[in-house]
Amino acid sequence: MFNLTNDEQKVIIFLLTIAFIGIGINFLIKLNTPVKILSCYGQDIGKIDLNTADKNLLISVRGIGPKLAQRIIDHREERDGFKDIEELKGIKGITNDRYEKIKDSFIIK
């Protein structure tokens, strides 16, 4: 079918061999590379951990000023951390309306 010289056949075989080796290496790399599953982390992306956040990070949440941020930190230190996000309701200055607005910004790890 193709009238190739012996040298041309050797070059084609060499190139095909290199291509198959590259495909094999790529397959092995992908097979042995751990895959991060973002679906289980997706709901927590962008949320602030109430038990580790500093004052500036708390202030970055809309509806929380410097005084309230300090109260949150004081509450956390008094009780050895938050166990539930609803504990925010017990902090002076966090009304039910404010709680509803800010609760989705936080997570507890």
PDB file of N, CA and C in Angstrom:
ATOM      1  N   MET A   1       0.827  -1.179   0.000  1.00  0.00           N
ATOM      2  CA  MET A   1       0.000   0.000   0.000  1.00  0.00           C
ATOM      3  C   MET A   1       0.874   1.245   0.000  1.00  0.00           C
ATOM      4  N   PHE A   2       1.760   1.371   0.986  1.00  0.00           N
ATOM      5  CA  PHE A   2       2.699   2.486   1.005  1.00  0.00           C
ATOM      6  C   PHE A   2       4.047   1.969   0.546  1.00  0.00           C
ATOM      7  N   ASN A   3       4.624   2.678  -0.319  1.00  0.00           N
ATOM      8  CA  ASN A   3       5.964   2.313  -0.772  1.00  0.00           C
ATOM      9  C   ASN A   3       6.981   3.076   0.063  1.00  0.00           C
ATOM     10  N   LEU A   4       7.282   2.549   1.258  1.00  0.00           N
ATOM     11  CA  LEU A   4       8.205   3.204   2.167  1.00  0.00           C
ATOM     12  C   LEU A   4       9.520   2.454   2.172  1.00  0.00           C
ATOM     13  N   THR A   5      10.556   3.200   2.308  1.00  0.00           N
ATOM     14  CA  THR A   5      11.870   2.571   2.403  1.00  0.00           C
ATOM     15  C   THR A   5      12.015   1.973   3.795  1.00  0.00           C
ATOM     16  N   ASN A   6      13.027   1.171   3.948  1.00  0.00           N
ATOM     17  CA  ASN A   6      13.293   0.524   5.229  1.00  0.00           C
ATOM     18  C   ASN A   6      13.539   1.568   6.320  1.00  0.00           C
ATOM     19  N   ASP A   7      14.267   2.628   6.006  1.00  0.00           N
ATOM     20  CA  ASP A   7      14.547   3.692   6.979  1.00  0.00           C
ATOM     21  C   ASP A   7      13.271   4.445   7.354  1.00  0.00           C
ATOM     22  N   GLU A   8      12.405   4.683   6.386  1.00  0.00           N
ATOM     23  CA  GLU A   8      11.148   5.374   6.665  1.00  0.00           C
ATOM     24  C   GLU A   8      10.257   4.525   7.576  1.00  0.00           C
ATOM     25  N   GLN A   9      10.226   3.233   7.352  1.00  0.00           N
ATOM     26  CA  GLN A   9       9.451   2.330   8.203  1.00  0.00           C
ATOM     27  C   GLN A   9       9.982   2.360   9.641  1.00  0.00           C
ATOM     28  N   LYS A  10      11.299   2.372   9.788  1.00  0.00           N
ATOM     29  CA  LYS A  10      11.909   2.417  11.118  1.00  0.00           C
ATOM     30  C   LYS A  10      11.550   3.723  11.835  1.00  0.00           C
ATOM     31  N   VAL A  11      11.544   4.830  11.104  1.00  0.00           N
ATOM     32  CA  VAL A  11      11.191   6.112  11.703  1.00  0.00           C
ATOM     33  C   VAL A  11       9.733   6.104  12.160  1.00  0.00           C
ATOM     34  N   ILE A  12       8.835   5.569  11.343  1.00  0.00           N
ATOM     35  CA  ILE A  12       7.417   5.510  11.704  1.00  0.00           C
ATOM     36  C   ILE A  12       7.214   4.611  12.927  1.00  0.00           C
ATOM     37  N   ILE A  13       7.869   3.482  12.959  1.00  0.00           N
ATOM     38  CA  ILE A  13       7.773   2.575  14.111  1.00  0.00           C
ATOM     39  C   ILE A  13       8.320   3.259  15.364  1.00  0.00           C
ATOM     40  N   PHE A  14       9.419   3.974  15.217  1.00  0.00           N
ATOM     41  CA  PHE A  14      10.007   4.700  16.353  1.00  0.00           C
ATOM     42  C   PHE A  14       9.026   5.757  16.884  1.00  0.00           C
ATOM     43  N   LEU A  15       8.439   6.528  15.993  1.00  0.00           N
ATOM     44  CA  LEU A  15       7.503   7.565  16.416  1.00  0.00           C
ATOM     45  C   LEU A  15       6.259   6.970  17.081  1.00  0.00           C
ATOM     46  N   LEU A  16       5.746   5.890  16.538  1.00  0.00           N
ATOM     47  CA  LEU A  16       4.589   5.233  17.153  1.00  0.00           C
ATOM     48  C   LEU A  16       4.937   4.671  18.533  1.00  0.00           C
ATOM     49  N   THR A  17       6.130   4.116  18.648  1.00  0.00           N
ATOM     50  CA  THR A  17       6.576   3.586  19.941  1.00  0.00           C
ATOM     51  C   THR A  17       6.664   4.697  20.978  1.00  0.00           C
ATOM     52  N   ILE A  18       7.248   5.821  20.605  1.00  0.00           N
ATOM     53  CA  ILE A  18       7.355   6.963  21.516  1.00  0.00           C
ATOM     54  C   ILE A  18       5.957   7.461  21.901  1.00  0.00           C
ATOM     55  N   ALA A  19       5.048   7.507  20.945  1.00  0.00           N
ATOM     56  CA  ALA A  19       3.685   7.972  21.226  1.00  0.00           C
ATOM     57  C   ALA A  19       3.003   7.033  22.217  1.00  0.00           C
ATOM     58  N   PHE A  20       3.118   5.725  22.019  1.00  0.00           N
ATOM     59  CA  PHE A  20       2.498   4.772  22.936  1.00  0.00           C
ATOM     60  C   PHE A  20       3.126   4.826  24.330  1.00  0.00           C
ATOM     61  N   ILE A  21       4.423   5.019  24.392  1.00  0.00           N
ATOM     62  CA  ILE A  21       5.079   5.157  25.699  1.00  0.00           C
ATOM     63  C   ILE A  21       4.547   6.404  26.410  1.00  0.00           C
ATOM     64  N   GLY A  22       4.414   7.518  25.697  1.00  0.00           N
ATOM     65  CA  GLY A  22       3.880   8.749  26.280  1.00  0.00           C
ATOM     66  C   GLY A  22       2.460   8.576  26.780  1.00  0.00           C
ATOM     67  N   ILE A  23       1.641   7.891  25.998  1.00  0.00           N
ATOM     68  CA  ILE A  23       0.261   7.628  26.408  1.00  0.00           C
ATOM     69  C   ILE A  23       0.244   6.755  27.660  1.00  0.00           C
ATOM     70  N   GLY A  24       1.109   5.762  27.702  1.00  0.00           N
ATOM     71  CA  GLY A  24       1.186   4.879  28.872  1.00  0.00           C
ATOM     72  C   GLY A  24       1.624   5.628  30.123  1.00  0.00           C
ATOM     73  N   ILE A  25       2.621   6.480  29.998  1.00  0.00           N
ATOM     74  CA  ILE A  25       3.088   7.269  31.145  1.00  0.00           C
ATOM     75  C   ILE A  25       1.985   8.207  31.615  1.00  0.00           C
ATOM     76  N   ASN A  26       1.311   8.858  30.685  1.00  0.00           N
ATOM     77  CA  ASN A  26       0.206   9.756  31.043  1.00  0.00           C
ATOM     78  C   ASN A  26      -0.893   8.989  31.781  1.00  0.00           C
ATOM     79  N   PHE A  27      -1.210   7.809  31.313  1.00  0.00           N
ATOM     80  CA  PHE A  27      -2.225   6.978  31.967  1.00  0.00           C
ATOM     81  C   PHE A  27      -1.812   6.614  33.389  1.00  0.00           C
ATOM     82  N   LEU A  28      -0.557   6.204  33.567  1.00  0.00           N
ATOM     83  CA  LEU A  28      -0.071   5.831  34.892  1.00  0.00           C
ATOM     84  C   LEU A  28      -0.066   7.020  35.855  1.00  0.00           C
ATOM     85  N   ILE A  29       0.295   8.186  35.356  1.00  0.00           N
ATOM     86  CA  ILE A  29       0.289   9.383  36.207  1.00  0.00           C
ATOM     87  C   ILE A  29      -1.133   9.694  36.658  1.00  0.00           C
ATOM     88  N   LYS A  30      -2.075   9.659  35.747  1.00  0.00           N
ATOM     89  CA  LYS A  30      -3.466   9.946  36.106  1.00  0.00           C
ATOM     90  C   LYS A  30      -4.040   8.866  37.013  1.00  0.00           C
ATOM     91  N   LEU A  31      -3.613   7.635  36.826  1.00  0.00           N
ATOM     92  CA  LEU A  31      -4.101   6.535  37.641  1.00  0.00           C
ATOM     93  C   LEU A  31      -3.627   6.658  39.084  1.00  0.00           C
ATOM     94  N   ASN A  32      -2.424   7.167  39.281  1.00  0.00           N
ATOM     95  CA  ASN A  32      -1.832   7.240  40.616  1.00  0.00           C
ATOM     96  C   ASN A  32      -1.910   8.614  41.262  1.00  0.00           C
ATOM     97  N   THR A  33      -2.558   9.562  40.629  1.00  0.00           N
ATOM     98  CA  THR A  33      -2.718  10.894  41.203  1.00  0.00           C
ATOM     99  C   THR A  33      -4.020  10.942  41.976  1.00  0.00           C
ATOM    100  N   PRO A  34      -3.958  11.325  43.269  1.00  0.00           N
ATOM    101  CA  PRO A  34      -5.203  11.398  44.030  1.00  0.00           C
ATOM    102  C   PRO A  34      -6.124  12.478  43.480  1.00  0.00           C
ATOM    103  N   VAL A  35      -7.386  12.181  43.472  1.00  0.00           N
ATOM    104  CA  VAL A  35      -8.385  13.104  42.955  1.00  0.00           C
ATOM    105  C   VAL A  35      -9.067  13.771  44.148  1.00  0.00           C
ATOM    106  N   LYS A  36      -9.122  15.090  44.118  1.00  0.00           N
ATOM    107  CA  LYS A  36      -9.824  15.812  45.171  1.00  0.00           C
ATOM    108  C   LYS A  36     -11.299  15.857  44.819  1.00  0.00           C
ATOM    109  N   ILE A  37     -12.097  15.438  45.751  1.00  0.00           N
ATOM    110  CA  ILE A  37     -13.536  15.449  45.532  1.00  0.00           C
ATOM    111  C   ILE A  37     -14.082  16.725  46.145  1.00  0.00           C
ATOM    112  N   LEU A  38     -14.475  17.647  45.284  1.00  0.00           N
ATOM    113  CA  LEU A  38     -14.938  18.940  45.756  1.00  0.00           C
ATOM    114  C   LEU A  38     -16.394  18.922  46.200  1.00  0.00           C
ATOM    115  N   SER A  39     -17.113  17.910  45.810  1.00  0.00           N
ATOM    116  CA  SER A  39     -18.528  17.907  46.158  1.00  0.00           C
ATOM    117  C   SER A  39     -18.747  17.870  47.665  1.00  0.00           C
ATOM    118  N   CYS A  40     -17.884  17.170  48.398  1.00  0.00           N
ATOM    119  CA  CYS A  40     -18.089  17.118  49.841  1.00  0.00           C
ATOM    120  C   CYS A  40     -17.588  18.387  50.520  1.00  0.00           C
ATOM    121  N   TYR A  41     -16.765  19.160  49.854  1.00  0.00           N
ATOM    122  CA  TYR A  41     -16.290  20.412  50.413  1.00  0.00           C
ATOM    123  C   TYR A  41     -17.073  21.613  49.889  1.00  0.00           C
ATOM    124  N   GLY A  42     -17.829  21.427  48.852  1.00  0.00           N
ATOM    125  CA  GLY A  42     -18.491  22.528  48.181  1.00  0.00           C
ATOM    126  C   GLY A  42     -19.358  23.386  49.071  1.00  0.00           C
ATOM    127  N   GLN A  43     -20.025  22.774  50.017  1.00  0.00           N
ATOM    128  CA  GLN A  43     -20.918  23.552  50.869  1.00  0.00           C
ATOM    129  C   GLN A  43     -20.158  24.397  51.874  1.00  0.00           C
ATOM    130  N   ASP A  44     -18.886  24.091  52.101  1.00  0.00           N
ATOM    131  CA  ASP A  44     -18.108  24.815  53.094  1.00  0.00           C
ATOM    132  C   ASP A  44     -17.181  25.868  52.496  1.00  0.00           C
ATOM    133  N   ILE A  45     -17.075  25.901  51.189  1.00  0.00           N
ATOM    134  CA  ILE A  45     -16.163  26.841  50.552  1.00  0.00           C
ATOM    135  C   ILE A  45     -16.623  28.269  50.826  1.00  0.00           C
ATOM    136  N   GLY A  46     -15.721  29.086  51.309  1.00  0.00           N
ATOM    137  CA  GLY A  46     -16.014  30.485  51.578  1.00  0.00           C
ATOM    138  C   GLY A  46     -16.598  30.751  52.947  1.00  0.00           C
ATOM    139  N   LYS A  47     -16.821  29.701  53.727  1.00  0.00           N
ATOM    140  CA  LYS A  47     -17.369  29.888  55.064  1.00  0.00           C
ATOM    141  C   LYS A  47     -16.228  30.056  56.064  1.00  0.00           C
ATOM    142  N   ILE A  48     -16.513  30.746  57.131  1.00  0.00           N
ATOM    143  CA  ILE A  48     -15.522  31.071  58.150  1.00  0.00           C
ATOM    144  C   ILE A  48     -15.731  30.163  59.356  1.00  0.00           C
ATOM    145  N   ASP A  49     -14.651  29.565  59.824  1.00  0.00           N
ATOM    146  CA  ASP A  49     -14.727  28.710  61.007  1.00  0.00           C
ATOM    147  C   ASP A  49     -14.816  29.594  62.253  1.00  0.00           C
ATOM    148  N   LEU A  50     -15.905  29.475  62.965  1.00  0.00           N
ATOM    149  CA  LEU A  50     -16.118  30.299  64.159  1.00  0.00           C
ATOM    150  C   LEU A  50     -15.078  30.039  65.243  1.00  0.00           C
ATOM    151  N   ASN A  51     -14.492  28.867  65.252  1.00  0.00           N
ATOM    152  CA  ASN A  51     -13.547  28.519  66.304  1.00  0.00           C
ATOM    153  C   ASN A  51     -12.110  28.928  66.002  1.00  0.00           C
ATOM    154  N   THR A  52     -11.848  29.436  64.813  1.00  0.00           N
ATOM    155  CA  THR A  52     -10.479  29.846  64.485  1.00  0.00           C
ATOM    156  C   THR A  52     -10.380  31.265  63.922  1.00  0.00           C
ATOM    157  N   ALA A  53     -11.501  31.856  63.588  1.00  0.00           N
ATOM    158  CA  ALA A  53     -11.488  33.172  62.931  1.00  0.00           C
ATOM    159  C   ALA A  53     -10.964  34.256  63.873  1.00  0.00           C
ATOM    160  N   ASP A  54     -10.125  35.132  63.323  1.00  0.00           N
ATOM    161  CA  ASP A  54      -9.666  36.273  64.115  1.00  0.00           C
ATOM    162  C   ASP A  54     -10.659  37.431  63.941  1.00  0.00           C
ATOM    163  N   LYS A  55     -10.394  38.493  64.649  1.00  0.00           N
ATOM    164  CA  LYS A  55     -11.319  39.630  64.671  1.00  0.00           C
ATOM    165  C   LYS A  55     -11.527  40.226  63.282  1.00  0.00           C
ATOM    166  N   ASN A  56     -10.445  40.398  62.537  1.00  0.00           N
ATOM    167  CA  ASN A  56     -10.560  40.990  61.194  1.00  0.00           C
ATOM    168  C   ASN A  56     -11.389  40.125  60.256  1.00  0.00           C
ATOM    169  N   LEU A  57     -11.230  38.827  60.375  1.00  0.00           N
ATOM    170  CA  LEU A  57     -12.012  37.930  59.525  1.00  0.00           C
ATOM    171  C   LEU A  57     -13.489  37.991  59.894  1.00  0.00           C
ATOM    172  N   LEU A  58     -13.785  38.068  61.173  1.00  0.00           N
ATOM    173  CA  LEU A  58     -15.180  38.189  61.595  1.00  0.00           C
ATOM    174  C   LEU A  58     -15.791  39.505  61.122  1.00  0.00           C
ATOM    175  N   ILE A  59     -15.003  40.567  61.179  1.00  0.00           N
ATOM    176  CA  ILE A  59     -15.494  41.878  60.726  1.00  0.00           C
ATOM    177  C   ILE A  59     -15.791  41.870  59.230  1.00  0.00           C
ATOM    178  N   SER A  60     -15.134  41.003  58.491  1.00  0.00           N
ATOM    179  CA  SER A  60     -15.356  40.944  57.041  1.00  0.00           C
ATOM    180  C   SER A  60     -16.751  40.428  56.684  1.00  0.00           C
ATOM    181  N   VAL A  61     -17.433  39.844  57.652  1.00  0.00           N
ATOM    182  CA  VAL A  61     -18.803  39.361  57.420  1.00  0.00           C
ATOM    183  C   VAL A  61     -19.760  40.537  57.532  1.00  0.00           C
ATOM    184  N   ARG A  62     -20.587  40.694  56.537  1.00  0.00           N
ATOM    185  CA  ARG A  62     -21.553  41.791  56.531  1.00  0.00           C
ATOM    186  C   ARG A  62     -22.498  41.649  57.719  1.00  0.00           C
ATOM    187  N   GLY A  63     -22.588  42.716  58.523  1.00  0.00           N
ATOM    188  CA  GLY A  63     -23.451  42.696  59.694  1.00  0.00           C
ATOM    189  C   GLY A  63     -22.690  42.521  60.996  1.00  0.00           C
ATOM    190  N   ILE A  64     -21.366  42.321  60.903  1.00  0.00           N
ATOM    191  CA  ILE A  64     -20.553  42.174  62.106  1.00  0.00           C
ATOM    192  C   ILE A  64     -19.525  43.296  62.143  1.00  0.00           C
ATOM    193  N   GLY A  65     -19.588  44.090  63.202  1.00  0.00           N
ATOM    194  CA  GLY A  65     -18.631  45.175  63.394  1.00  0.00           C
ATOM    195  C   GLY A  65     -17.577  44.767  64.410  1.00  0.00           C
ATOM    196  N   PRO A  66     -16.675  45.681  64.736  1.00  0.00           N
ATOM    197  CA  PRO A  66     -15.579  45.372  65.666  1.00  0.00           C
ATOM    198  C   PRO A  66     -16.057  44.931  67.052  1.00  0.00           C
ATOM    199  N   LYS A  67     -17.072  45.593  67.594  1.00  0.00           N
ATOM    200  CA  LYS A  67     -17.555  45.227  68.933  1.00  0.00           C
ATOM    201  C   LYS A  67     -18.175  43.833  68.939  1.00  0.00           C
ATOM    202  N   LEU A  68     -18.990  43.557  67.937  1.00  0.00           N
ATOM    203  CA  LEU A  68     -19.631  42.249  67.870  1.00  0.00           C
ATOM    204  C   LEU A  68     -18.598  41.148  67.615  1.00  0.00           C
ATOM    205  N   ALA A  69     -17.629  41.447  66.782  1.00  0.00           N
ATOM    206  CA  ALA A  69     -16.564  40.470  66.530  1.00  0.00           C
ATOM    207  C   ALA A  69     -15.831  40.130  67.831  1.00  0.00           C
ATOM    208  N   GLN A  70     -15.566  41.141  68.631  1.00  0.00           N
ATOM    209  CA  GLN A  70     -14.887  40.901  69.907  1.00  0.00           C
ATOM    210  C   GLN A  70     -15.771  40.086  70.848  1.00  0.00           C
ATOM    211  N   ARG A  71     -17.070  40.348  70.844  1.00  0.00           N
ATOM    212  CA  ARG A  71     -17.980  39.562  71.681  1.00  0.00           C
ATOM    213  C   ARG A  71     -17.999  38.099  71.257  1.00  0.00           C
ATOM    214  N   ILE A  72     -17.944  37.865  69.946  1.00  0.00           N
ATOM    215  CA  ILE A  72     -17.912  36.488  69.434  1.00  0.00           C
ATOM    216  C   ILE A  72     -16.640  35.798  69.920  1.00  0.00           C
ATOM    217  N   ILE A  73     -15.513  36.491  69.830  1.00  0.00           N
ATOM    218  CA  ILE A  73     -14.243  35.915  70.278  1.00  0.00           C
ATOM    219  C   ILE A  73     -14.274  35.660  71.785  1.00  0.00           C
ATOM    220  N   ASP A  74     -14.795  36.601  72.542  1.00  0.00           N
ATOM    221  CA  ASP A  74     -14.886  36.429  73.999  1.00  0.00           C
ATOM    222  C   ASP A  74     -15.760  35.223  74.349  1.00  0.00           C
ATOM    223  N   HIS A  75     -16.881  35.100  73.660  1.00  0.00           N
ATOM    224  CA  HIS A  75     -17.792  33.967  73.884  1.00  0.00           C
ATOM    225  C   HIS A  75     -17.067  32.654  73.589  1.00  0.00           C
ATOM    226  N   ARG A  76     -16.339  32.631  72.496  1.00  0.00           N
ATOM    227  CA  ARG A  76     -15.598  31.432  72.093  1.00  0.00           C
ATOM    228  C   ARG A  76     -14.575  31.049  73.150  1.00  0.00           C
ATOM    229  N   GLU A  77     -13.854  32.031  73.670  1.00  0.00           N
ATOM    230  CA  GLU A  77     -12.811  31.754  74.657  1.00  0.00           C
ATOM    231  C   GLU A  77     -13.406  31.320  75.995  1.00  0.00           C
ATOM    232  N   GLU A  78     -14.534  31.886  76.385  1.00  0.00           N
ATOM    233  CA  GLU A  78     -15.180  31.529  77.647  1.00  0.00           C
ATOM    234  C   GLU A  78     -15.705  30.103  77.643  1.00  0.00           C
ATOM    235  N   ARG A  79     -16.130  29.643  76.491  1.00  0.00           N
ATOM    236  CA  ARG A  79     -16.778  28.330  76.412  1.00  0.00           C
ATOM    237  C   ARG A  79     -15.943  27.285  75.688  1.00  0.00           C
ATOM    238  N   ASP A  80     -14.658  27.548  75.520  1.00  0.00           N
ATOM    239  CA  ASP A  80     -13.775  26.606  74.809  1.00  0.00           C
ATOM    240  C   ASP A  80     -14.282  26.288  73.410  1.00  0.00           C
ATOM    241  N   GLY A  81     -14.714  27.302  72.724  1.00  0.00           N
ATOM    242  CA  GLY A  81     -15.132  27.148  71.335  1.00  0.00           C
ATOM    243  C   GLY A  81     -16.628  26.959  71.179  1.00  0.00           C
ATOM    244  N   PHE A  82     -17.049  27.096  69.942  1.00  0.00           N
ATOM    245  CA  PHE A  82     -18.452  26.911  69.596  1.00  0.00           C
ATOM    246  C   PHE A  82     -18.702  25.440  69.289  1.00  0.00           C
ATOM    247  N   LYS A  83     -19.812  24.943  69.747  1.00  0.00           N
ATOM    248  CA  LYS A  83     -20.234  23.575  69.419  1.00  0.00           C
ATOM    249  C   LYS A  83     -21.304  23.590  68.333  1.00  0.00           C
ATOM    250  N   ASP A  84     -22.047  24.708  68.284  1.00  0.00           N
ATOM    251  CA  ASP A  84     -23.149  24.840  67.330  1.00  0.00           C
ATOM    252  C   ASP A  84     -23.263  26.304  66.913  1.00  0.00           C
ATOM    253  N   ILE A  85     -23.583  26.541  65.673  1.00  0.00           N
ATOM    254  CA  ILE A  85     -23.692  27.911  65.168  1.00  0.00           C
ATOM    255  C   ILE A  85     -24.800  28.678  65.888  1.00  0.00           C
ATOM    256  N   GLU A  86     -25.812  27.982  66.352  1.00  0.00           N
ATOM    257  CA  GLU A  86     -26.920  28.642  67.048  1.00  0.00           C
ATOM    258  C   GLU A  86     -26.482  29.310  68.345  1.00  0.00           C
ATOM    259  N   GLU A  87     -25.298  28.982  68.851  1.00  0.00           N
ATOM    260  CA  GLU A  87     -24.787  29.651  70.046  1.00  0.00           C
ATOM    261  C   GLU A  87     -24.603  31.151  69.804  1.00  0.00           C
ATOM    262  N   LEU A  88     -24.511  31.539  68.537  1.00  0.00           N
ATOM    263  CA  LEU A  88     -24.401  32.969  68.219  1.00  0.00           C
ATOM    264  C   LEU A  88     -25.597  33.752  68.746  1.00  0.00           C
ATOM    265  N   LYS A  89     -26.741  33.104  68.811  1.00  0.00           N
ATOM    266  CA  LYS A  89     -27.961  33.778  69.278  1.00  0.00           C
ATOM    267  C   LYS A  89     -27.823  34.272  70.717  1.00  0.00           C
ATOM    268  N   GLY A  90     -26.956  33.657  71.488  1.00  0.00           N
ATOM    269  CA  GLY A  90     -26.780  34.037  72.878  1.00  0.00           C
ATOM    270  C   GLY A  90     -25.823  35.193  73.090  1.00  0.00           C
ATOM    271  N   ILE A  91     -25.278  35.732  72.029  1.00  0.00           N
ATOM    272  CA  ILE A  91     -24.324  36.833  72.135  1.00  0.00           C
ATOM    273  C   ILE A  91     -25.080  38.151  72.009  1.00  0.00           C
ATOM    274  N   LYS A  92     -24.758  39.062  72.922  1.00  0.00           N
ATOM    275  CA  LYS A  92     -25.395  40.377  72.913  1.00  0.00           C
ATOM    276  C   LYS A  92     -25.151  41.053  71.565  1.00  0.00           C
ATOM    277  N   GLY A  93     -26.214  41.542  70.973  1.00  0.00           N
ATOM    278  CA  GLY A  93     -26.108  42.239  69.692  1.00  0.00           C
ATOM    279  C   GLY A  93     -26.512  41.392  68.503  1.00  0.00           C
ATOM    280  N   ILE A  94     -26.682  40.099  68.713  1.00  0.00           N
ATOM    281  CA  ILE A  94     -27.116  39.233  67.613  1.00  0.00           C
ATOM    282  C   ILE A  94     -28.591  38.917  67.811  1.00  0.00           C
ATOM    283  N   THR A  95     -29.401  39.645  67.075  1.00  0.00           N
ATOM    284  CA  THR A  95     -30.849  39.432  67.101  1.00  0.00           C
ATOM    285  C   THR A  95     -31.187  38.266  66.173  1.00  0.00           C
ATOM    286  N   ASN A  96     -32.435  37.852  66.194  1.00  0.00           N
ATOM    287  CA  ASN A  96     -32.850  36.769  65.294  1.00  0.00           C
ATOM    288  C   ASN A  96     -32.644  37.158  63.833  1.00  0.00           C
ATOM    289  N   ASP A  97     -32.953  38.419  63.500  1.00  0.00           N
ATOM    290  CA  ASP A  97     -32.762  38.878  62.118  1.00  0.00           C
ATOM    291  C   ASP A  97     -31.290  38.845  61.728  1.00  0.00           C
ATOM    292  N   ARG A  98     -30.437  39.362  62.591  1.00  0.00           N
ATOM    293  CA  ARG A  98     -29.006  39.384  62.291  1.00  0.00           C
ATOM    294  C   ARG A  98     -28.470  37.956  62.194  1.00  0.00           C
ATOM    295  N   TYR A  99     -28.926  37.102  63.102  1.00  0.00           N
ATOM    296  CA  TYR A  99     -28.494  35.702  63.066  1.00  0.00           C
ATOM    297  C   TYR A  99     -28.841  35.060  61.724  1.00  0.00           C
ATOM    298  N   GLU A 100     -30.062  35.281  61.252  1.00  0.00           N
ATOM    299  CA  GLU A 100     -30.487  34.704  59.974  1.00  0.00           C
ATOM    300  C   GLU A 100     -29.634  35.206  58.818  1.00  0.00           C
ATOM    301  N   LYS A 101     -29.163  36.451  58.913  1.00  0.00           N
ATOM    302  CA  LYS A 101     -28.343  37.021  57.841  1.00  0.00           C
ATOM    303  C   LYS A 101     -26.906  36.513  57.856  1.00  0.00           C
ATOM    304  N   ILE A 102     -26.387  36.208  59.033  1.00  0.00           N
ATOM    305  CA  ILE A 102     -24.966  35.863  59.120  1.00  0.00           C
ATOM    306  C   ILE A 102     -24.695  34.364  59.291  1.00  0.00           C
ATOM    307  N   LYS A 103     -25.682  33.582  59.654  1.00  0.00           N
ATOM    308  CA  LYS A 103     -25.452  32.172  59.995  1.00  0.00           C
ATOM    309  C   LYS A 103     -24.833  31.378  58.854  1.00  0.00           C
ATOM    310  N   ASP A 104     -25.191  31.693  57.618  1.00  0.00           N
ATOM    311  CA  ASP A 104     -24.671  30.935  56.478  1.00  0.00           C
ATOM    312  C   ASP A 104     -23.227  31.291  56.135  1.00  0.00           C
ATOM    313  N   SER A 105     -22.674  32.280  56.822  1.00  0.00           N
ATOM    314  CA  SER A 105     -21.284  32.668  56.582  1.00  0.00           C
ATOM    315  C   SER A 105     -20.314  31.834  57.407  1.00  0.00           C
ATOM    316  N   PHE A 106     -20.840  31.041  58.330  1.00  0.00           N
ATOM    317  CA  PHE A 106     -19.979  30.344  59.293  1.00  0.00           C
ATOM    318  C   PHE A 106     -20.092  28.830  59.219  1.00  0.00           C
ATOM    319  N   ILE A 107     -19.058  28.227  59.733  1.00  0.00           N
ATOM    320  CA  ILE A 107     -18.990  26.771  59.873  1.00  0.00           C
ATOM    321  C   ILE A 107     -18.259  26.502  61.179  1.00  0.00           C
ATOM    322  N   ILE A 108     -18.494  25.325  61.737  1.00  0.00           N
ATOM    323  CA  ILE A 108     -17.758  24.904  62.933  1.00  0.00           C
ATOM    324  C   ILE A 108     -17.066  23.590  62.600  1.00  0.00           C
ATOM    325  N   LYS A 109     -15.759  23.611  62.741  1.00  0.00           N
ATOM    326  CA  LYS A 109     -14.978  22.393  62.467  1.00  0.00           C
ATOM    327  C   LYS A 109     -14.505  21.777  63.747  1.00  0.00           C
TER     328      LYS A 109
END
